[in-house]
Amino acid sequence: MTAKGDAYVFISQTYKHGKAIGVLGEGVALLTKALPAGAALNELGVLSEQTASRQQEVIDQFVALVGSRHWSRPALDMVAA
């Protein structure tokens, strides 16, 4: 986990500030570990996809969400940022 410390901090802060998060392929494992307890993949602007055939769909969804915030995410107070 410490080898990717900067990535964990970046994901945590992005989550806390309600910004869209999108990961593909192997990044899904990192995202899963970095999100706070109570956070869920593929809801409230947190997008992920491991299957190559669906990745373009997730990219399109992510682009549509950039600029919007998701303040109703669970566990925002649990994230140090």
C-alpha atoms as a PDB file:
ATOM      1  CA  MET A   1       0.000   0.000   0.000  1.00  0.00           C
ATOM      2  CA  THR A   2       2.820   2.432   0.760  1.00  0.00           C
ATOM      3  CA  ALA A   3       4.254   2.057  -2.744  1.00  0.00           C
ATOM      4  CA  LYS A   4       1.161   3.761  -4.087  1.00  0.00           C
ATOM      5  CA  GLY A   5       0.706   6.223  -1.218  1.00  0.00           C
ATOM      6  CA  ASP A   6       0.331   9.288  -3.437  1.00  0.00           C
ATOM      7  CA  ALA A   7      -2.368   7.555  -5.483  1.00  0.00           C
ATOM      8  CA  TYR A   8      -4.303   6.637  -2.329  1.00  0.00           C
ATOM      9  CA  VAL A   9      -4.164  10.232  -1.091  1.00  0.00           C
ATOM     10  CA  PHE A  10      -5.248  11.550  -4.491  1.00  0.00           C
ATOM     11  CA  ILE A  11      -8.229   9.178  -4.644  1.00  0.00           C
ATOM     12  CA  SER A  12      -9.247   9.945  -1.053  1.00  0.00           C
ATOM     13  CA  GLN A  13      -9.152  13.693  -1.618  1.00  0.00           C
ATOM     14  CA  THR A  14     -11.004  13.421  -4.916  1.00  0.00           C
ATOM     15  CA  TYR A  15     -13.680  11.334  -3.192  1.00  0.00           C
ATOM     16  CA  LYS A  16     -13.989  13.743  -0.245  1.00  0.00           C
ATOM     17  CA  HIS A  17     -14.394  16.748  -2.539  1.00  0.00           C
ATOM     18  CA  GLY A  18     -17.211  15.019  -4.432  1.00  0.00           C
ATOM     19  CA  LYS A  19     -15.410  14.921  -7.761  1.00  0.00           C
ATOM     20  CA  ALA A  20     -15.941  12.260 -10.400  1.00  0.00           C
ATOM     21  CA  ILE A  21     -13.586   9.282 -10.211  1.00  0.00           C
ATOM     22  CA  GLY A  22     -13.130   6.861 -13.078  1.00  0.00           C
ATOM     23  CA  VAL A  23     -10.828   3.870 -13.277  1.00  0.00           C
ATOM     24  CA  LEU A  24     -10.367   1.091 -15.793  1.00  0.00           C
ATOM     25  CA  GLY A  25      -8.752  -2.341 -15.748  1.00  0.00           C
ATOM     26  CA  GLU A  26      -6.181  -2.885 -13.010  1.00  0.00           C
ATOM     27  CA  GLY A  27      -7.004   0.495 -11.472  1.00  0.00           C
ATOM     28  CA  VAL A  28     -10.210  -0.975 -10.026  1.00  0.00           C
ATOM     29  CA  ALA A  29      -8.227  -2.839  -7.345  1.00  0.00           C
ATOM     30  CA  LEU A  30      -6.438   0.358  -6.316  1.00  0.00           C
ATOM     31  CA  LEU A  31      -9.695   2.299  -6.193  1.00  0.00           C
ATOM     32  CA  THR A  32     -11.366  -0.379  -4.088  1.00  0.00           C
ATOM     33  CA  LYS A  33      -8.569  -0.204  -1.511  1.00  0.00           C
ATOM     34  CA  ALA A  34      -8.405   3.594  -1.476  1.00  0.00           C
ATOM     35  CA  LEU A  35     -12.091   4.341  -0.968  1.00  0.00           C
ATOM     36  CA  PRO A  36     -13.336   4.769   2.596  1.00  0.00           C
ATOM     37  CA  ALA A  37     -15.531   2.166   4.268  1.00  0.00           C
ATOM     38  CA  GLY A  38     -19.109   2.614   3.108  1.00  0.00           C
ATOM     39  CA  ALA A  39     -18.176   3.884  -0.341  1.00  0.00           C
ATOM     40  CA  ALA A  40     -19.396   1.893  -3.316  1.00  0.00           C
ATOM     41  CA  LEU A  41     -18.150   1.467  -6.845  1.00  0.00           C
ATOM     42  CA  ASN A  42     -20.332   2.624  -9.718  1.00  0.00           C
ATOM     43  CA  GLU A  43     -22.534   5.045  -7.864  1.00  0.00           C
ATOM     44  CA  LEU A  44     -22.405   8.730  -6.967  1.00  0.00           C
ATOM     45  CA  GLY A  45     -19.739   9.553  -9.539  1.00  0.00           C
ATOM     46  CA  VAL A  46     -17.395   6.662  -8.728  1.00  0.00           C
ATOM     47  CA  LEU A  47     -17.039   4.716 -11.974  1.00  0.00           C
ATOM     48  CA  SER A  48     -15.059   1.581 -12.675  1.00  0.00           C
ATOM     49  CA  GLU A  49     -14.827  -1.155 -15.283  1.00  0.00           C
ATOM     50  CA  GLN A  50     -12.440  -4.055 -15.705  1.00  0.00           C
ATOM     51  CA  THR A  51     -13.981  -5.501 -18.874  1.00  0.00           C
ATOM     52  CA  ALA A  52     -12.374  -4.029 -21.988  1.00  0.00           C
ATOM     53  CA  SER A  53     -15.599  -4.176 -23.998  1.00  0.00           C
ATOM     54  CA  ARG A  54     -17.383  -1.778 -21.594  1.00  0.00           C
ATOM     55  CA  GLN A  55     -14.574   0.669 -20.950  1.00  0.00           C
ATOM     56  CA  GLN A  56     -15.644   3.221 -23.552  1.00  0.00           C
ATOM     57  CA  GLU A  57     -19.057   3.421 -21.883  1.00  0.00           C
ATOM     58  CA  VAL A  58     -17.404   4.240 -18.548  1.00  0.00           C
ATOM     59  CA  ILE A  59     -15.159   6.824 -20.203  1.00  0.00           C
ATOM     60  CA  ASP A  60     -18.209   8.524 -21.712  1.00  0.00           C
ATOM     61  CA  GLN A  61     -19.992   8.509 -18.337  1.00  0.00           C
ATOM     62  CA  PHE A  62     -16.919   9.955 -16.642  1.00  0.00           C
ATOM     63  CA  VAL A  63     -16.611  12.779 -19.171  1.00  0.00           C
ATOM     64  CA  ALA A  64     -20.285  13.638 -18.617  1.00  0.00           C
ATOM     65  CA  LEU A  65     -19.713  13.817 -14.828  1.00  0.00           C
ATOM     66  CA  VAL A  66     -16.597  15.994 -14.877  1.00  0.00           C
ATOM     67  CA  GLY A  67     -17.493  19.326 -13.331  1.00  0.00           C
ATOM     68  CA  SER A  68     -20.315  18.019 -11.164  1.00  0.00           C
ATOM     69  CA  ARG A  69     -19.998  17.201  -7.466  1.00  0.00           C
ATOM     70  CA  HIS A  70     -21.464  14.343  -5.462  1.00  0.00           C
ATOM     71  CA  TRP A  71     -21.887  15.677  -1.939  1.00  0.00           C
ATOM     72  CA  SER A  72     -24.222  12.880  -0.843  1.00  0.00           C
ATOM     73  CA  ARG A  73     -21.454  10.278  -0.875  1.00  0.00           C
ATOM     74  CA  PRO A  74     -21.242   8.219   2.301  1.00  0.00           C
ATOM     75  CA  ALA A  75     -18.319   8.549   4.726  1.00  0.00           C
ATOM     76  CA  LEU A  76     -17.127  11.993   3.587  1.00  0.00           C
ATOM     77  CA  ASP A  77     -16.346  12.917   7.184  1.00  0.00           C
ATOM     78  CA  MET A  78     -14.156   9.821   7.513  1.00  0.00           C
ATOM     79  CA  VAL A  79     -11.711  10.981   4.828  1.00  0.00           C
ATOM     80  CA  ALA A  80      -8.825  13.207   5.845  1.00  0.00           C
ATOM     81  CA  ALA A  81      -8.248  15.837   3.218  1.00  0.00           C
END
